[in-house]
Amino acid sequence: MKRTFQLSEIDQVAQTILDTVPHKTLLFYGEMGAGKTTLIRALVKNLDGVDEASSPTFGLVNEYHDLQGLLLGYHFDFYRIENEAEALDLGLEDYLSSEAWLFMEWPEKVSSLLPTQAVSIYLHFIDENTRSIEFSLE
């Protein structure tokens, strides 16, 4: 799927992703400011998350819950890690074996640790209110 959208349409884009992807591990690629965290916020909202999604840049991972208080997913931001060993120290392997949604920003920093069953989502900054998104289900 490839689409250009306005930020005002981000909830619809998020719902399309949720309705389409075959796996719960989503890898978000894009330059700083492309809208990765904004899209993850919309995904969590559309999954009835009660937590406001925010970038876990300093803590590396945030945990989100649904309306019933059950675990919904984890949000990783690997931007600041120096090497893959830091992700392993964080317990990434345990997170990868969970049944929860996994939203990963800057996955290229941990490329050899990523599962094969994941969906890569590419976001591109067009202008202040416009982005493009591209992902494949193969």
C-alpha atoms as a PDB file:
ATOM      1  CA  MET A   1       0.000   0.000   0.000  1.00  0.00           C
ATOM      2  CA  LYS A   2       1.236   3.464  -0.822  1.00  0.00           C
ATOM      3  CA  ARG A   3      -0.700   6.590   0.044  1.00  0.00           C
ATOM      4  CA  THR A   4      -0.234  10.300   0.575  1.00  0.00           C
ATOM      5  CA  PHE A   5      -2.346  11.709   3.399  1.00  0.00           C
ATOM      6  CA  GLN A   6      -3.001  14.795   5.467  1.00  0.00           C
ATOM      7  CA  LEU A   7      -2.267  14.604   9.189  1.00  0.00           C
ATOM      8  CA  SER A   8      -5.985  15.177   9.766  1.00  0.00           C
ATOM      9  CA  GLU A   9      -6.538  11.740   8.160  1.00  0.00           C
ATOM     10  CA  ILE A  10      -4.136   9.870  10.426  1.00  0.00           C
ATOM     11  CA  ASP A  11      -6.880   7.969  12.282  1.00  0.00           C
ATOM     12  CA  GLN A  12      -8.164   6.552   8.988  1.00  0.00           C
ATOM     13  CA  VAL A  13      -4.624   5.600   7.962  1.00  0.00           C
ATOM     14  CA  ALA A  14      -4.116   3.894  11.328  1.00  0.00           C
ATOM     15  CA  GLN A  15      -7.353   1.938  10.964  1.00  0.00           C
ATOM     16  CA  THR A  16      -6.364   0.848   7.450  1.00  0.00           C
ATOM     17  CA  ILE A  17      -3.091  -0.487   8.852  1.00  0.00           C
ATOM     18  CA  LEU A  18      -4.867  -2.349  11.651  1.00  0.00           C
ATOM     19  CA  ASP A  19      -7.382  -3.835   9.204  1.00  0.00           C
ATOM     20  CA  THR A  20      -4.674  -4.885   6.755  1.00  0.00           C
ATOM     21  CA  VAL A  21      -1.489  -6.062   8.464  1.00  0.00           C
ATOM     22  CA  PRO A  22      -1.033  -9.805   9.008  1.00  0.00           C
ATOM     23  CA  HIS A  23       1.357  -9.421  11.969  1.00  0.00           C
ATOM     24  CA  LYS A  24       1.375  -7.419  15.195  1.00  0.00           C
ATOM     25  CA  THR A  25       5.010  -6.355  14.861  1.00  0.00           C
ATOM     26  CA  LEU A  26       5.215  -3.044  13.024  1.00  0.00           C
ATOM     27  CA  LEU A  27       8.546  -1.478  12.092  1.00  0.00           C
ATOM     28  CA  PHE A  28       8.470   2.279  11.491  1.00  0.00           C
ATOM     29  CA  TYR A  29      11.071   3.836   9.215  1.00  0.00           C
ATOM     30  CA  GLY A  30      11.373   7.525   8.459  1.00  0.00           C
ATOM     31  CA  GLU A  31      13.426  10.577   9.168  1.00  0.00           C
ATOM     32  CA  MET A  32      13.048  12.574  12.351  1.00  0.00           C
ATOM     33  CA  GLY A  33       9.718  14.410  12.212  1.00  0.00           C
ATOM     34  CA  ALA A  34       8.158  12.124   9.604  1.00  0.00           C
ATOM     35  CA  GLY A  35       5.313  11.227  11.963  1.00  0.00           C
ATOM     36  CA  LYS A  36       6.250   7.813  13.325  1.00  0.00           C
ATOM     37  CA  THR A  37       5.177   8.576  16.893  1.00  0.00           C
ATOM     38  CA  THR A  38       2.076  10.421  15.687  1.00  0.00           C
ATOM     39  CA  LEU A  39       1.006   7.360  13.692  1.00  0.00           C
ATOM     40  CA  ILE A  40       1.703   5.039  16.630  1.00  0.00           C
ATOM     41  CA  ARG A  41      -0.408   7.339  18.828  1.00  0.00           C
ATOM     42  CA  ALA A  42      -3.285   6.928  16.332  1.00  0.00           C
ATOM     43  CA  LEU A  43      -2.797   3.139  16.224  1.00  0.00           C
ATOM     44  CA  VAL A  44      -2.972   2.875  20.024  1.00  0.00           C
ATOM     45  CA  LYS A  45      -6.057   5.091  20.049  1.00  0.00           C
ATOM     46  CA  ASN A  46      -7.756   2.978  17.361  1.00  0.00           C
ATOM     47  CA  LEU A  47      -6.966  -0.155  19.401  1.00  0.00           C
ATOM     48  CA  ASP A  48      -8.911   1.412  22.298  1.00  0.00           C
ATOM     49  CA  GLY A  49      -5.766   2.132  24.246  1.00  0.00           C
ATOM     50  CA  VAL A  50      -6.253   4.141  27.399  1.00  0.00           C
ATOM     51  CA  ASP A  51      -2.675   5.383  27.422  1.00  0.00           C
ATOM     52  CA  GLU A  52      -1.568   8.390  25.383  1.00  0.00           C
ATOM     53  CA  ALA A  53       1.208   7.092  23.170  1.00  0.00           C
ATOM     54  CA  SER A  54       4.397   9.107  23.364  1.00  0.00           C
ATOM     55  CA  SER A  55       7.947   8.579  22.250  1.00  0.00           C
ATOM     56  CA  PRO A  56       9.886   6.335  24.630  1.00  0.00           C
ATOM     57  CA  THR A  57      13.180   7.852  23.472  1.00  0.00           C
ATOM     58  CA  PHE A  58      14.822   7.934  26.894  1.00  0.00           C
ATOM     59  CA  GLY A  59      13.204   4.851  28.439  1.00  0.00           C
ATOM     60  CA  LEU A  60      13.398   2.925  25.135  1.00  0.00           C
ATOM     61  CA  VAL A  61      10.021   1.224  25.653  1.00  0.00           C
ATOM     62  CA  ASN A  62       6.501   2.269  26.673  1.00  0.00           C
ATOM     63  CA  GLU A  63       3.720  -0.116  27.600  1.00  0.00           C
ATOM     64  CA  TYR A  64       0.097   0.496  26.611  1.00  0.00           C
ATOM     65  CA  HIS A  65      -3.151  -0.998  27.930  1.00  0.00           C
ATOM     66  CA  ASP A  66      -6.700  -1.264  26.620  1.00  0.00           C
ATOM     67  CA  LEU A  67      -9.977  -0.195  28.223  1.00  0.00           C
ATOM     68  CA  GLN A  68     -10.114  -3.380  30.312  1.00  0.00           C
ATOM     69  CA  GLY A  69      -6.607  -2.772  31.644  1.00  0.00           C
ATOM     70  CA  LEU A  70      -5.143  -5.598  29.593  1.00  0.00           C
ATOM     71  CA  LEU A  71      -1.798  -5.277  27.893  1.00  0.00           C
ATOM     72  CA  LEU A  72      -2.252  -3.843  24.405  1.00  0.00           C
ATOM     73  CA  GLY A  73       1.289  -3.398  23.212  1.00  0.00           C
ATOM     74  CA  TYR A  74       4.800  -2.056  23.491  1.00  0.00           C
ATOM     75  CA  HIS A  75       6.328   0.951  21.774  1.00  0.00           C
ATOM     76  CA  PHE A  76      10.094   0.980  21.238  1.00  0.00           C
ATOM     77  CA  ASP A  77      12.293   3.855  20.142  1.00  0.00           C
ATOM     78  CA  PHE A  78      15.797   2.650  19.337  1.00  0.00           C
ATOM     79  CA  TYR A  79      17.095   6.024  18.152  1.00  0.00           C
ATOM     80  CA  ARG A  80      19.491   6.503  21.074  1.00  0.00           C
ATOM     81  CA  ILE A  81      20.893   3.000  21.418  1.00  0.00           C
ATOM     82  CA  GLU A  82      24.552   2.512  20.579  1.00  0.00           C
ATOM     83  CA  ASN A  83      24.398  -1.188  19.650  1.00  0.00           C
ATOM     84  CA  GLU A  84      22.103  -4.183  19.535  1.00  0.00           C
ATOM     85  CA  ALA A  85      23.405  -5.459  22.872  1.00  0.00           C
ATOM     86  CA  GLU A  86      21.496  -2.608  24.550  1.00  0.00           C
ATOM     87  CA  ALA A  87      18.251  -3.915  23.038  1.00  0.00           C
ATOM     88  CA  LEU A  88      19.065  -7.403  24.279  1.00  0.00           C
ATOM     89  CA  ASP A  89      19.798  -6.001  27.756  1.00  0.00           C
ATOM     90  CA  LEU A  90      16.359  -4.381  27.638  1.00  0.00           C
ATOM     91  CA  GLY A  91      14.861  -7.846  27.142  1.00  0.00           C
ATOM     92  CA  LEU A  92      13.843  -7.399  23.507  1.00  0.00           C
ATOM     93  CA  GLU A  93      13.700 -11.151  22.953  1.00  0.00           C
ATOM     94  CA  ASP A  94      11.032 -11.482  25.649  1.00  0.00           C
ATOM     95  CA  TYR A  95       8.990  -8.679  24.119  1.00  0.00           C
ATOM     96  CA  LEU A  96       9.253 -10.319  20.690  1.00  0.00           C
ATOM     97  CA  SER A  97       7.747 -13.529  22.048  1.00  0.00           C
ATOM     98  CA  SER A  98       4.703 -11.740  23.493  1.00  0.00           C
ATOM     99  CA  GLU A  99       1.307 -11.722  21.824  1.00  0.00           C
ATOM    100  CA  ALA A 100       1.060  -7.943  22.186  1.00  0.00           C
ATOM    101  CA  TRP A 101       1.352  -5.336  19.458  1.00  0.00           C
ATOM    102  CA  LEU A 102       4.946  -4.209  18.962  1.00  0.00           C
ATOM    103  CA  PHE A 103       5.559  -0.758  17.509  1.00  0.00           C
ATOM    104  CA  MET A 104       9.241  -0.126  16.764  1.00  0.00           C
ATOM    105  CA  GLU A 105      10.765   3.189  15.758  1.00  0.00           C
ATOM    106  CA  TRP A 106      14.293   3.190  14.275  1.00  0.00           C
ATOM    107  CA  PRO A 107      14.304  -0.619  13.793  1.00  0.00           C
ATOM    108  CA  GLU A 108      17.363  -0.322  11.545  1.00  0.00           C
ATOM    109  CA  LYS A 109      19.394   0.052  14.767  1.00  0.00           C
ATOM    110  CA  VAL A 110      18.487  -3.540  15.743  1.00  0.00           C
ATOM    111  CA  SER A 111      18.117  -5.077  12.301  1.00  0.00           C
ATOM    112  CA  SER A 112      19.635  -8.477  13.090  1.00  0.00           C
ATOM    113  CA  LEU A 113      17.258  -8.925  16.050  1.00  0.00           C
ATOM    114  CA  LEU A 114      14.033  -8.263  14.166  1.00  0.00           C
ATOM    115  CA  PRO A 115      11.539 -11.068  13.529  1.00  0.00           C
ATOM    116  CA  THR A 116      10.875 -12.150   9.960  1.00  0.00           C
ATOM    117  CA  GLN A 117       7.144 -11.797  10.551  1.00  0.00           C
ATOM    118  CA  ALA A 118       6.962  -8.044  10.798  1.00  0.00           C
ATOM    119  CA  VAL A 119       5.524  -5.283   8.645  1.00  0.00           C
ATOM    120  CA  SER A 120       7.860  -2.481   7.600  1.00  0.00           C
ATOM    121  CA  ILE A 121       6.126   0.882   7.374  1.00  0.00           C
ATOM    122  CA  TYR A 122       7.895   3.776   5.657  1.00  0.00           C
ATOM    123  CA  LEU A 123       6.816   7.338   6.398  1.00  0.00           C
ATOM    124  CA  HIS A 124       7.970  10.329   4.376  1.00  0.00           C
ATOM    125  CA  PHE A 125       7.632  14.005   5.219  1.00  0.00           C
ATOM    126  CA  ILE A 126       6.036  15.894   2.306  1.00  0.00           C
ATOM    127  CA  ASP A 127       5.185  19.169   4.020  1.00  0.00           C
ATOM    128  CA  GLU A 128       3.984  20.410   7.407  1.00  0.00           C
ATOM    129  CA  ASN A 129       0.567  18.721   7.028  1.00  0.00           C
ATOM    130  CA  THR A 130       1.245  16.015   4.447  1.00  0.00           C
ATOM    131  CA  ARG A 131       2.963  12.655   4.702  1.00  0.00           C
ATOM    132  CA  SER A 132       3.257   9.594   2.539  1.00  0.00           C
ATOM    133  CA  ILE A 133       3.145   6.056   3.833  1.00  0.00           C
ATOM    134  CA  GLU A 134       4.230   2.859   2.196  1.00  0.00           C
ATOM    135  CA  PHE A 135       4.115  -0.729   3.388  1.00  0.00           C
ATOM    136  CA  SER A 136       3.952  -4.151   1.844  1.00  0.00           C
ATOM    137  CA  LEU A 137       2.203  -7.232   3.142  1.00  0.00           C
ATOM    138  CA  GLU A 138       4.616  -9.689   1.551  1.00  0.00           C
END
